[in-house]
Amino acid sequence: MSAAAASLRSTPAPSAPPPQLPSPFPSRAALALEQRSMAELEKVFLRAVTPEVDQLIGWEFRGINRFPIDLIPRVTGIKKFLKGFFRTEADKTMGYNVAIELNALDGRWRMKPDDAAPRRFGYYAVDAVDPTSRDNKYLHALLLDYSKGGNKRFDVSNPIRDYIVQVAPDNPDLYLGKAYYAVGPLRVMSNFFILERHRRGFTDYATR
């Protein structure tokens, strides 16, 4: 073996740069979505694309609720929230919610009771929308079904059905959701919500 070849072999490969983590603050794009009317958000939702599940797993996302009457989420303390996604040992994609302290909308997301040990609740299953099922309103979305999240029998979140879409094909960090509440066979639309990538979640399945 030549000296040059030996030198090449002994030279360690350059280490990959550390992954760039998202900003702790909402982007202008997310805040602009929150300012849109319900009719405008519906148009954005219909033009959006189907999210890739692997882009969600292992991550937590800042959430902003957008109700027809914006006073409702502010008074009830649910204007800001957090959603996380993970994969179970049975290879099912699941998710959860975390309550957030209510502060300025462009401020930090401070989890309850604290960032190091947030209380996770409102679990849901994540699936493609089945066109033959009752919850099949948006076939280009992913469905977050709280009735399949393993919550307690009388958990108030069980009737929630969320549809989420990716707002733009070239931005896997920003999503728009539309929430419905199941009342028997009826599905009552509740609100839109914005999701934006925030930080790595509590599993080791993050690949982005």
N, C-alpha and C. Protein backbone atom coordinates (compact mmCIF):
# COMPACT_ATOMS: atom_id res chain seq x y z
N MET A 1 0.86 -1.19 0.00
CA MET A 1 0.00 0.00 0.00
C MET A 1 0.89 1.23 0.00
N SER A 2 0.60 2.21 -0.84
CA SER A 2 1.40 3.42 -0.91
C SER A 2 1.20 4.26 0.33
N ALA A 3 2.14 5.17 0.58
CA ALA A 3 2.03 6.06 1.74
C ALA A 3 0.82 6.97 1.62
N ALA A 4 0.52 7.38 0.37
CA ALA A 4 -0.62 8.27 0.16
C ALA A 4 -1.92 7.55 0.50
N ALA A 5 -2.02 6.27 0.05
CA ALA A 5 -3.24 5.50 0.35
C ALA A 5 -3.39 5.28 1.84
N ALA A 6 -2.27 4.98 2.50
CA ALA A 6 -2.32 4.76 3.95
C ALA A 6 -2.75 6.02 4.67
N SER A 7 -2.25 7.16 4.16
CA SER A 7 -2.62 8.43 4.78
C SER A 7 -4.11 8.70 4.63
N LEU A 8 -4.64 8.38 3.43
CA LEU A 8 -6.07 8.58 3.20
C LEU A 8 -6.90 7.71 4.11
N ARG A 9 -6.45 6.48 4.31
CA ARG A 9 -7.20 5.54 5.15
C ARG A 9 -7.20 5.98 6.61
N SER A 10 -6.09 6.57 7.05
CA SER A 10 -5.97 6.91 8.45
C SER A 10 -6.62 8.26 8.79
N THR A 11 -6.97 9.01 7.75
CA THR A 11 -7.60 10.32 7.98
C THR A 11 -9.05 10.13 8.37
N PRO A 12 -9.47 10.57 9.54
CA PRO A 12 -10.87 10.37 9.93
C PRO A 12 -11.82 11.19 9.07
N ALA A 13 -12.97 10.63 8.81
CA ALA A 13 -13.98 11.33 8.02
C ALA A 13 -14.48 12.54 8.80
N PRO A 14 -14.75 13.64 8.12
CA PRO A 14 -15.26 14.82 8.83
C PRO A 14 -16.60 14.52 9.48
N SER A 15 -16.77 15.01 10.70
CA SER A 15 -18.03 14.75 11.40
C SER A 15 -19.14 15.58 10.80
N ALA A 16 -20.35 15.01 10.81
CA ALA A 16 -21.50 15.72 10.27
C ALA A 16 -21.86 16.88 11.19
N PRO A 17 -22.31 18.00 10.62
CA PRO A 17 -22.70 19.13 11.47
C PRO A 17 -23.91 18.76 12.31
N PRO A 18 -24.01 19.32 13.51
CA PRO A 18 -25.17 19.00 14.34
C PRO A 18 -26.46 19.47 13.67
N PRO A 19 -27.58 18.75 13.88
CA PRO A 19 -28.83 19.15 13.24
C PRO A 19 -29.27 20.51 13.74
N GLN A 20 -29.82 21.30 12.84
CA GLN A 20 -30.30 22.63 13.20
C GLN A 20 -31.67 22.51 13.86
N LEU A 21 -31.78 22.96 15.11
CA LEU A 21 -33.03 22.86 15.83
C LEU A 21 -33.91 24.06 15.51
N PRO A 22 -35.23 23.88 15.59
CA PRO A 22 -36.13 24.99 15.28
C PRO A 22 -36.00 26.12 16.29
N SER A 23 -36.48 27.28 15.89
CA SER A 23 -36.50 28.43 16.79
C SER A 23 -37.49 28.17 17.92
N PRO A 24 -37.24 28.69 19.12
CA PRO A 24 -38.20 28.53 20.22
C PRO A 24 -39.41 29.45 20.09
N PHE A 25 -39.41 30.32 19.08
CA PHE A 25 -40.50 31.27 18.89
C PHE A 25 -41.26 30.95 17.60
N PRO A 26 -42.54 31.28 17.55
CA PRO A 26 -43.31 31.03 16.32
C PRO A 26 -42.80 31.89 15.17
N SER A 27 -42.86 31.32 13.98
CA SER A 27 -42.40 32.04 12.79
C SER A 27 -43.44 33.06 12.34
N ARG A 28 -43.02 33.94 11.44
CA ARG A 28 -43.95 34.91 10.87
C ARG A 28 -45.07 34.20 10.12
N ALA A 29 -44.72 33.09 9.47
CA ALA A 29 -45.73 32.34 8.70
C ALA A 29 -46.81 31.79 9.61
N ALA A 30 -46.41 31.26 10.79
CA ALA A 30 -47.38 30.72 11.73
C ALA A 30 -48.27 31.82 12.29
N LEU A 31 -47.67 32.95 12.65
CA LEU A 31 -48.45 34.05 13.20
C LEU A 31 -49.38 34.65 12.15
N ALA A 32 -48.94 34.65 10.89
CA ALA A 32 -49.79 35.17 9.82
C ALA A 32 -51.01 34.27 9.61
N LEU A 33 -50.82 32.96 9.73
CA LEU A 33 -51.96 32.05 9.62
C LEU A 33 -52.98 32.32 10.72
N GLU A 34 -52.50 32.60 11.92
CA GLU A 34 -53.40 32.84 13.04
C GLU A 34 -54.26 34.08 12.81
N GLN A 35 -53.79 35.00 11.98
CA GLN A 35 -54.52 36.23 11.72
C GLN A 35 -55.57 36.08 10.61
N ARG A 36 -55.57 34.95 9.93
CA ARG A 36 -56.51 34.78 8.82
C ARG A 36 -57.91 34.44 9.33
N SER A 37 -58.90 34.77 8.50
CA SER A 37 -60.28 34.46 8.84
C SER A 37 -60.53 32.96 8.72
N MET A 38 -61.65 32.51 9.27
CA MET A 38 -61.99 31.10 9.18
C MET A 38 -62.16 30.68 7.72
N ALA A 39 -62.75 31.54 6.91
CA ALA A 39 -62.94 31.22 5.49
C ALA A 39 -61.60 31.11 4.77
N GLU A 40 -60.67 31.99 5.10
CA GLU A 40 -59.34 31.93 4.48
C GLU A 40 -58.59 30.68 4.91
N LEU A 41 -58.71 30.31 6.18
CA LEU A 41 -58.05 29.10 6.66
C LEU A 41 -58.62 27.86 5.99
N GLU A 42 -59.91 27.86 5.70
CA GLU A 42 -60.51 26.73 4.99
C GLU A 42 -59.89 26.57 3.60
N LYS A 43 -59.66 27.68 2.93
CA LYS A 43 -59.02 27.63 1.61
C LYS A 43 -57.60 27.10 1.71
N VAL A 44 -56.86 27.57 2.70
CA VAL A 44 -55.49 27.07 2.91
C VAL A 44 -55.52 25.57 3.18
N PHE A 45 -56.46 25.14 4.01
CA PHE A 45 -56.57 23.73 4.36
C PHE A 45 -56.83 22.88 3.13
N LEU A 46 -57.71 23.31 2.27
CA LEU A 46 -58.07 22.52 1.09
C LEU A 46 -56.94 22.47 0.07
N ARG A 47 -56.08 23.49 0.04
CA ARG A 47 -54.97 23.53 -0.92
C ARG A 47 -53.72 22.82 -0.39
N ALA A 48 -53.72 22.46 0.86
CA ALA A 48 -52.53 21.89 1.50
C ALA A 48 -52.28 20.46 1.05
N VAL A 49 -51.17 19.88 1.51
CA VAL A 49 -50.77 18.53 1.10
C VAL A 49 -50.77 17.60 2.30
N THR A 50 -50.73 16.32 2.01
CA THR A 50 -50.74 15.30 3.07
C THR A 50 -49.39 15.26 3.79
N PRO A 51 -49.38 15.33 5.11
CA PRO A 51 -48.11 15.25 5.84
C PRO A 51 -47.49 13.86 5.75
N GLU A 52 -46.16 13.81 5.84
CA GLU A 52 -45.46 12.53 5.95
C GLU A 52 -45.33 12.19 7.44
N VAL A 53 -45.84 11.05 7.82
CA VAL A 53 -45.85 10.68 9.24
C VAL A 53 -44.45 10.69 9.83
N ASP A 54 -43.46 10.24 9.06
CA ASP A 54 -42.09 10.18 9.58
C ASP A 54 -41.53 11.56 9.90
N GLN A 55 -42.12 12.63 9.33
CA GLN A 55 -41.68 13.98 9.65
C GLN A 55 -42.24 14.45 11.00
N LEU A 56 -43.20 13.70 11.53
CA LEU A 56 -43.82 14.08 12.80
C LEU A 56 -43.26 13.30 13.98
N ILE A 57 -42.95 12.03 13.75
CA ILE A 57 -42.56 11.14 14.84
C ILE A 57 -41.29 11.62 15.54
N GLY A 58 -41.36 11.64 16.88
CA GLY A 58 -40.22 12.05 17.68
C GLY A 58 -40.08 13.55 17.85
N TRP A 59 -41.10 14.30 17.44
CA TRP A 59 -41.05 15.77 17.55
C TRP A 59 -42.25 16.30 18.31
N GLU A 60 -42.07 17.47 18.91
CA GLU A 60 -43.15 18.21 19.53
C GLU A 60 -43.36 19.50 18.76
N PHE A 61 -44.62 19.92 18.68
CA PHE A 61 -45.00 21.06 17.85
C PHE A 61 -45.74 22.10 18.67
N ARG A 62 -45.34 23.35 18.50
CA ARG A 62 -46.10 24.45 19.09
C ARG A 62 -47.48 24.50 18.45
N GLY A 63 -48.50 24.73 19.26
CA GLY A 63 -49.85 24.82 18.74
C GLY A 63 -50.50 26.14 19.08
N ILE A 64 -51.28 26.67 18.12
CA ILE A 64 -52.05 27.89 18.33
C ILE A 64 -53.48 27.60 17.89
N ASN A 65 -54.43 27.72 18.79
CA ASN A 65 -55.83 27.51 18.46
C ASN A 65 -56.43 28.77 17.82
N ARG A 66 -57.26 28.54 16.80
CA ARG A 66 -57.95 29.65 16.13
C ARG A 66 -59.43 29.32 16.07
N PHE A 67 -60.19 29.90 17.00
CA PHE A 67 -61.63 29.68 17.09
C PHE A 67 -62.38 30.78 16.32
N PRO A 68 -63.63 30.53 15.93
CA PRO A 68 -64.42 31.60 15.30
C PRO A 68 -64.53 32.83 16.20
N ILE A 69 -64.65 32.61 17.51
CA ILE A 69 -64.63 33.69 18.49
C ILE A 69 -63.33 33.55 19.27
N ASP A 70 -62.37 34.42 19.00
CA ASP A 70 -61.02 34.23 19.54
C ASP A 70 -60.96 34.41 21.05
N LEU A 71 -61.96 35.03 21.64
CA LEU A 71 -61.96 35.22 23.08
C LEU A 71 -62.05 33.88 23.81
N ILE A 72 -62.69 32.88 23.18
CA ILE A 72 -62.90 31.58 23.84
C ILE A 72 -61.58 30.92 24.26
N PRO A 73 -60.63 30.71 23.35
CA PRO A 73 -59.39 30.04 23.79
C PRO A 73 -58.54 30.89 24.73
N ARG A 74 -58.66 32.21 24.63
CA ARG A 74 -57.88 33.07 25.53
C ARG A 74 -58.42 33.00 26.96
N VAL A 75 -59.75 33.05 27.08
CA VAL A 75 -60.35 33.01 28.41
C VAL A 75 -60.17 31.64 29.06
N THR A 76 -60.27 30.59 28.25
CA THR A 76 -60.15 29.23 28.79
C THR A 76 -58.70 28.76 28.92
N GLY A 77 -57.76 29.57 28.45
CA GLY A 77 -56.35 29.24 28.61
C GLY A 77 -55.82 28.21 27.64
N ILE A 78 -56.50 28.02 26.49
CA ILE A 78 -56.04 27.00 25.53
C ILE A 78 -55.61 27.62 24.20
N LYS A 79 -55.32 28.92 24.21
CA LYS A 79 -54.87 29.56 22.98
C LYS A 79 -53.58 28.92 22.48
N LYS A 80 -52.68 28.63 23.42
CA LYS A 80 -51.41 27.99 23.09
C LYS A 80 -51.40 26.58 23.68
N PHE A 81 -50.82 25.64 22.96
CA PHE A 81 -50.71 24.27 23.43
C PHE A 81 -49.54 23.62 22.73
N LEU A 82 -49.32 22.34 23.00
CA LEU A 82 -48.24 21.61 22.35
C LEU A 82 -48.73 20.21 22.02
N LYS A 83 -48.37 19.73 20.84
CA LYS A 83 -48.65 18.34 20.44
C LYS A 83 -47.34 17.62 20.18
N GLY A 84 -47.29 16.36 20.57
CA GLY A 84 -46.13 15.52 20.29
C GLY A 84 -46.55 14.25 19.60
N PHE A 85 -45.62 13.63 18.89
CA PHE A 85 -45.90 12.40 18.13
C PHE A 85 -44.82 11.38 18.42
N PHE A 86 -45.21 10.12 18.53
CA PHE A 86 -44.25 9.05 18.78
C PHE A 86 -44.76 7.75 18.17
N ARG A 87 -43.85 6.78 18.06
CA ARG A 87 -44.20 5.47 17.53
C ARG A 87 -44.09 4.44 18.65
N THR A 88 -45.10 3.61 18.78
CA THR A 88 -45.11 2.61 19.84
C THR A 88 -44.29 1.38 19.43
N GLU A 89 -44.08 0.48 20.39
CA GLU A 89 -43.37 -0.76 20.09
C GLU A 89 -44.15 -1.62 19.11
N ALA A 90 -45.47 -1.41 19.04
CA ALA A 90 -46.31 -2.13 18.09
C ALA A 90 -46.34 -1.45 16.72
N ASP A 91 -45.46 -0.45 16.53
CA ASP A 91 -45.31 0.27 15.27
C ASP A 91 -46.56 1.11 14.93
N LYS A 92 -47.25 1.57 15.94
CA LYS A 92 -48.38 2.49 15.73
C LYS A 92 -47.93 3.91 16.03
N THR A 93 -48.42 4.85 15.25
CA THR A 93 -48.10 6.25 15.49
C THR A 93 -49.15 6.85 16.41
N MET A 94 -48.69 7.44 17.49
CA MET A 94 -49.57 8.03 18.50
C MET A 94 -49.12 9.46 18.78
N GLY A 95 -49.93 10.17 19.58
CA GLY A 95 -49.56 11.52 19.95
C GLY A 95 -50.20 11.93 21.26
N TYR A 96 -49.85 13.12 21.72
CA TYR A 96 -50.31 13.61 23.01
C TYR A 96 -50.35 15.13 22.97
N ASN A 97 -50.95 15.71 24.01
CA ASN A 97 -51.02 17.16 24.18
C ASN A 97 -50.33 17.57 25.47
N VAL A 98 -49.88 18.81 25.52
CA VAL A 98 -49.31 19.41 26.73
C VAL A 98 -49.89 20.81 26.86
N ALA A 99 -50.30 21.17 28.07
CA ALA A 99 -50.81 22.52 28.33
C ALA A 99 -49.65 23.51 28.38
N ILE A 100 -49.90 24.72 27.91
CA ILE A 100 -48.88 25.77 27.85
C ILE A 100 -49.35 27.00 28.63
N GLU A 101 -48.41 27.63 29.33
CA GLU A 101 -48.73 28.87 30.03
C GLU A 101 -49.17 29.93 29.02
N LEU A 102 -50.18 30.68 29.37
CA LEU A 102 -50.69 31.71 28.46
C LEU A 102 -49.89 32.99 28.63
N ASN A 103 -49.13 33.31 27.59
CA ASN A 103 -48.37 34.56 27.56
C ASN A 103 -48.53 35.16 26.17
N ALA A 104 -47.65 36.06 25.79
CA ALA A 104 -47.74 36.67 24.47
C ALA A 104 -47.67 35.60 23.39
N LEU A 105 -48.46 35.78 22.33
CA LEU A 105 -48.53 34.77 21.28
C LEU A 105 -47.18 34.56 20.60
N ASP A 106 -46.36 35.60 20.53
CA ASP A 106 -45.04 35.47 19.92
C ASP A 106 -43.96 35.20 20.96
N GLY A 107 -44.37 34.87 22.19
CA GLY A 107 -43.42 34.53 23.24
C GLY A 107 -43.07 33.06 23.25
N ARG A 108 -42.32 32.65 24.25
CA ARG A 108 -41.90 31.25 24.36
C ARG A 108 -43.07 30.35 24.75
N TRP A 109 -42.95 29.09 24.39
CA TRP A 109 -43.91 28.07 24.82
C TRP A 109 -43.39 27.47 26.12
N ARG A 110 -44.01 27.82 27.24
CA ARG A 110 -43.61 27.31 28.55
C ARG A 110 -44.61 26.25 28.98
N MET A 111 -44.14 25.03 29.13
CA MET A 111 -45.02 23.90 29.39
C MET A 111 -45.41 23.81 30.86
N LYS A 112 -46.55 23.22 31.11
CA LYS A 112 -47.04 23.00 32.47
C LYS A 112 -46.82 21.54 32.86
N PRO A 113 -46.33 21.26 34.06
CA PRO A 113 -45.92 22.24 35.07
C PRO A 113 -44.56 22.86 34.80
N ASP A 114 -43.71 22.19 33.98
CA ASP A 114 -42.45 22.80 33.57
C ASP A 114 -41.93 22.08 32.34
N ASP A 115 -40.97 22.70 31.66
CA ASP A 115 -40.45 22.15 30.40
C ASP A 115 -39.76 20.81 30.58
N ALA A 116 -39.13 20.60 31.72
CA ALA A 116 -38.37 19.37 31.94
C ALA A 116 -39.28 18.18 32.18
N ALA A 117 -40.44 18.40 32.77
CA ALA A 117 -41.37 17.30 33.08
C ALA A 117 -42.81 17.73 32.79
N PRO A 118 -43.13 17.92 31.51
CA PRO A 118 -44.49 18.36 31.18
C PRO A 118 -45.52 17.26 31.43
N ARG A 119 -46.74 17.67 31.73
CA ARG A 119 -47.82 16.69 31.92
C ARG A 119 -48.46 16.43 30.56
N ARG A 120 -48.34 15.19 30.11
CA ARG A 120 -48.91 14.81 28.81
C ARG A 120 -50.30 14.22 29.01
N PHE A 121 -51.22 14.57 28.15
CA PHE A 121 -52.60 14.11 28.27
C PHE A 121 -53.24 14.15 26.88
N GLY A 122 -54.50 13.75 26.80
CA GLY A 122 -55.21 13.81 25.53
C GLY A 122 -54.48 13.05 24.43
N TYR A 123 -54.28 11.75 24.64
CA TYR A 123 -53.56 10.94 23.66
C TYR A 123 -54.46 10.59 22.47
N TYR A 124 -53.84 10.37 21.32
CA TYR A 124 -54.60 10.06 20.10
C TYR A 124 -53.79 9.14 19.19
N ALA A 125 -54.51 8.43 18.32
CA ALA A 125 -53.88 7.61 17.29
C ALA A 125 -53.79 8.43 16.01
N VAL A 126 -52.73 8.21 15.25
CA VAL A 126 -52.50 8.94 14.00
C VAL A 126 -52.58 7.97 12.83
N ASP A 127 -53.46 8.26 11.88
CA ASP A 127 -53.64 7.38 10.73
C ASP A 127 -53.98 8.19 9.49
N ALA A 128 -53.77 7.56 8.33
CA ALA A 128 -54.32 8.13 7.10
C ALA A 128 -55.84 8.07 7.19
N VAL A 129 -56.51 8.96 6.52
CA VAL A 129 -57.97 8.98 6.55
C VAL A 129 -58.52 7.83 5.71
N ASP A 130 -59.38 7.04 6.33
CA ASP A 130 -60.02 5.91 5.66
C ASP A 130 -61.29 6.40 4.98
N PRO A 131 -61.35 6.35 3.65
CA PRO A 131 -62.53 6.87 2.95
C PRO A 131 -63.82 6.13 3.28
N THR A 132 -63.73 4.93 3.86
CA THR A 132 -64.94 4.16 4.18
C THR A 132 -65.39 4.37 5.62
N SER A 133 -64.64 5.15 6.40
CA SER A 133 -64.98 5.33 7.82
C SER A 133 -65.90 6.54 8.00
N ARG A 134 -66.41 6.70 9.20
CA ARG A 134 -67.26 7.86 9.50
C ARG A 134 -66.44 9.14 9.44
N ASP A 135 -65.20 9.09 9.87
CA ASP A 135 -64.34 10.28 9.89
C ASP A 135 -63.51 10.32 8.60
N ASN A 136 -64.15 10.78 7.55
CA ASN A 136 -63.49 10.75 6.23
C ASN A 136 -63.66 12.06 5.47
N LYS A 137 -63.78 13.16 6.19
CA LYS A 137 -64.11 14.43 5.56
C LYS A 137 -62.99 14.94 4.65
N TYR A 138 -61.73 14.74 5.05
CA TYR A 138 -60.61 15.27 4.27
C TYR A 138 -59.63 14.13 3.98
N LEU A 139 -59.69 13.62 2.77
CA LEU A 139 -58.88 12.46 2.41
C LEU A 139 -57.41 12.81 2.24
N HIS A 140 -57.08 14.09 2.10
CA HIS A 140 -55.67 14.47 1.93
C HIS A 140 -55.01 14.80 3.27
N ALA A 141 -55.70 14.55 4.36
CA ALA A 141 -55.18 14.87 5.69
C ALA A 141 -54.79 13.60 6.43
N LEU A 142 -54.14 13.79 7.58
CA LEU A 142 -53.98 12.73 8.56
C LEU A 142 -55.04 12.93 9.63
N LEU A 143 -55.51 11.83 10.20
CA LEU A 143 -56.55 11.89 11.23
C LEU A 143 -55.94 11.60 12.59
N LEU A 144 -56.21 12.49 13.55
CA LEU A 144 -55.82 12.27 14.94
C LEU A 144 -57.10 11.89 15.68
N ASP A 145 -57.20 10.62 16.06
CA ASP A 145 -58.43 10.08 16.65
C ASP A 145 -58.21 9.84 18.14
N TYR A 146 -58.82 10.68 18.96
CA TYR A 146 -58.63 10.59 20.41
C TYR A 146 -59.36 9.39 21.01
N SER A 147 -60.36 8.87 20.33
CA SER A 147 -61.06 7.70 20.86
C SER A 147 -60.19 6.45 20.81
N LYS A 148 -59.08 6.51 20.08
CA LYS A 148 -58.17 5.38 19.97
C LYS A 148 -56.85 5.66 20.68
N GLY A 149 -56.83 6.67 21.56
CA GLY A 149 -55.58 7.07 22.20
C GLY A 149 -55.30 6.39 23.52
N GLY A 150 -56.22 5.52 23.98
CA GLY A 150 -56.00 4.85 25.25
C GLY A 150 -56.26 5.73 26.46
N ASN A 151 -57.04 6.80 26.27
CA ASN A 151 -57.40 7.66 27.40
C ASN A 151 -58.43 6.94 28.28
N LYS A 152 -58.69 7.50 29.45
CA LYS A 152 -59.71 6.94 30.32
C LYS A 152 -61.08 6.99 29.64
N ARG A 153 -61.97 6.11 30.06
CA ARG A 153 -63.25 5.93 29.38
C ARG A 153 -64.03 7.23 29.21
N PHE A 154 -64.06 8.04 30.26
CA PHE A 154 -64.86 9.26 30.23
C PHE A 154 -64.01 10.52 30.05
N ASP A 155 -62.83 10.35 29.47
CA ASP A 155 -61.98 11.50 29.20
C ASP A 155 -62.68 12.44 28.22
N VAL A 156 -62.68 13.73 28.53
CA VAL A 156 -63.41 14.68 27.68
C VAL A 156 -62.79 14.83 26.30
N SER A 157 -61.56 14.36 26.11
CA SER A 157 -60.93 14.48 24.80
C SER A 157 -61.31 13.35 23.85
N ASN A 158 -61.91 12.28 24.34
CA ASN A 158 -62.20 11.12 23.49
C ASN A 158 -63.03 11.43 22.24
N PRO A 159 -63.98 12.36 22.30
CA PRO A 159 -64.76 12.65 21.09
C PRO A 159 -64.05 13.52 20.05
N ILE A 160 -62.83 13.99 20.34
CA ILE A 160 -62.15 14.88 19.40
C ILE A 160 -61.61 14.10 18.20
N ARG A 161 -61.82 14.67 17.03
CA ARG A 161 -61.24 14.15 15.78
C ARG A 161 -60.56 15.32 15.09
N ASP A 162 -59.24 15.25 14.98
CA ASP A 162 -58.47 16.31 14.32
C ASP A 162 -58.00 15.84 12.95
N TYR A 163 -58.10 16.72 11.98
CA TYR A 163 -57.46 16.50 10.68
C TYR A 163 -56.29 17.48 10.59
N ILE A 164 -55.12 17.01 10.13
CA ILE A 164 -53.98 17.92 9.94
C ILE A 164 -53.42 17.77 8.53
N VAL A 165 -52.99 18.90 7.97
CA VAL A 165 -52.38 18.94 6.64
C VAL A 165 -51.10 19.77 6.72
N GLN A 166 -50.22 19.54 5.75
CA GLN A 166 -49.00 20.33 5.63
C GLN A 166 -49.29 21.52 4.74
N VAL A 167 -49.06 22.72 5.25
CA VAL A 167 -49.49 23.94 4.56
C VAL A 167 -48.83 24.08 3.19
N ALA A 168 -47.52 23.85 3.11
CA ALA A 168 -46.79 24.00 1.84
C ALA A 168 -45.92 22.78 1.60
N PRO A 169 -45.81 22.31 0.36
CA PRO A 169 -45.01 21.11 0.09
C PRO A 169 -43.55 21.23 0.48
N ASP A 170 -43.01 22.46 0.42
CA ASP A 170 -41.59 22.66 0.69
C ASP A 170 -41.29 23.07 2.13
N ASN A 171 -42.30 22.99 3.00
CA ASN A 171 -42.08 23.36 4.41
C ASN A 171 -42.66 22.29 5.33
N PRO A 172 -41.84 21.32 5.74
CA PRO A 172 -42.32 20.24 6.61
C PRO A 172 -42.39 20.63 8.08
N ASP A 173 -42.30 21.92 8.38
CA ASP A 173 -42.32 22.38 9.77
C ASP A 173 -43.64 23.07 10.15
N LEU A 174 -44.51 23.33 9.17
CA LEU A 174 -45.72 24.10 9.43
C LEU A 174 -46.95 23.32 8.97
N TYR A 175 -47.92 23.18 9.88
CA TYR A 175 -49.12 22.39 9.60
C TYR A 175 -50.37 23.16 10.04
N LEU A 176 -51.47 22.80 9.42
CA LEU A 176 -52.76 23.38 9.79
C LEU A 176 -53.70 22.25 10.17
N GLY A 177 -54.38 22.41 11.28
CA GLY A 177 -55.32 21.40 11.74
C GLY A 177 -56.73 21.92 11.78
N LYS A 178 -57.68 20.99 11.74
CA LYS A 178 -59.10 21.34 11.85
C LYS A 178 -59.73 20.33 12.81
N ALA A 179 -60.33 20.85 13.87
CA ALA A 179 -60.83 20.00 14.94
C ALA A 179 -62.35 19.84 14.86
N TYR A 180 -62.79 18.60 15.08
CA TYR A 180 -64.22 18.28 15.14
C TYR A 180 -64.49 17.57 16.46
N TYR A 181 -65.73 17.63 16.88
CA TYR A 181 -66.16 16.95 18.10
C TYR A 181 -67.27 15.97 17.73
N ALA A 182 -67.08 14.71 18.09
CA ALA A 182 -68.05 13.67 17.75
C ALA A 182 -69.19 13.68 18.76
N VAL A 183 -70.40 13.86 18.26
CA VAL A 183 -71.62 13.78 19.09
C VAL A 183 -72.49 12.70 18.48
N GLY A 184 -72.34 11.48 18.96
CA GLY A 184 -73.01 10.36 18.31
C GLY A 184 -72.49 10.24 16.88
N PRO A 185 -73.37 10.15 15.90
CA PRO A 185 -72.93 10.06 14.51
C PRO A 185 -72.57 11.42 13.91
N LEU A 186 -72.86 12.50 14.61
CA LEU A 186 -72.59 13.84 14.11
C LEU A 186 -71.15 14.25 14.38
N ARG A 187 -70.62 15.13 13.54
CA ARG A 187 -69.30 15.70 13.72
C ARG A 187 -69.44 17.22 13.67
N VAL A 188 -69.18 17.87 14.80
CA VAL A 188 -69.36 19.31 14.93
C VAL A 188 -67.99 19.98 14.84
N MET A 189 -67.84 20.87 13.85
CA MET A 189 -66.57 21.58 13.70
C MET A 189 -66.36 22.54 14.86
N SER A 190 -65.16 22.50 15.43
CA SER A 190 -64.84 23.33 16.59
C SER A 190 -63.94 24.50 16.23
N ASN A 191 -62.79 24.20 15.64
CA ASN A 191 -61.81 25.26 15.40
C ASN A 191 -60.71 24.78 14.47
N PHE A 192 -59.93 25.73 13.99
CA PHE A 192 -58.66 25.45 13.32
C PHE A 192 -57.54 25.57 14.35
N PHE A 193 -56.38 25.00 14.02
CA PHE A 193 -55.20 25.21 14.85
C PHE A 193 -53.96 25.12 13.98
N ILE A 194 -52.93 25.83 14.38
CA ILE A 194 -51.65 25.85 13.66
C ILE A 194 -50.63 25.05 14.46
N LEU A 195 -49.86 24.23 13.78
CA LEU A 195 -48.77 23.48 14.42
C LEU A 195 -47.46 23.85 13.75
N GLU A 196 -46.42 24.06 14.57
CA GLU A 196 -45.09 24.36 14.04
C GLU A 196 -44.04 23.62 14.86
N ARG A 197 -43.07 23.05 14.16
CA ARG A 197 -42.05 22.24 14.83
C ARG A 197 -41.37 23.04 15.94
N HIS A 198 -41.23 22.39 17.10
CA HIS A 198 -40.73 23.10 18.28
C HIS A 198 -39.45 22.48 18.84
N ARG A 199 -39.51 21.19 19.19
CA ARG A 199 -38.34 20.54 19.78
C ARG A 199 -38.50 19.03 19.64
N ARG A 200 -37.41 18.31 19.87
CA ARG A 200 -37.49 16.86 19.84
C ARG A 200 -38.34 16.36 21.00
N GLY A 201 -39.08 15.28 20.73
CA GLY A 201 -39.97 14.73 21.73
C GLY A 201 -39.26 13.78 22.67
N PHE A 202 -40.06 12.98 23.38
CA PHE A 202 -39.51 12.14 24.44
C PHE A 202 -39.15 10.74 23.99
N THR A 203 -39.21 10.45 22.68
CA THR A 203 -38.78 9.15 22.17
C THR A 203 -37.48 9.29 21.41
N ASP A 204 -36.95 8.16 20.98
CA ASP A 204 -35.71 8.17 20.20
C ASP A 204 -35.98 7.96 18.71
N TYR A 205 -37.20 8.21 18.28
CA TYR A 205 -37.57 7.90 16.91
C TYR A 205 -37.41 9.08 15.95
N ALA A 206 -36.96 10.23 16.44
CA ALA A 206 -36.79 11.38 15.55
C ALA A 206 -35.72 11.06 14.51
N THR A 207 -36.02 11.32 13.25
CA THR A 207 -35.05 11.04 12.19
C THR A 207 -34.69 12.28 11.40
N ARG A 208 -35.35 13.40 11.69
CA ARG A 208 -35.10 14.61 10.91
C ARG A 208 -33.90 15.37 11.48
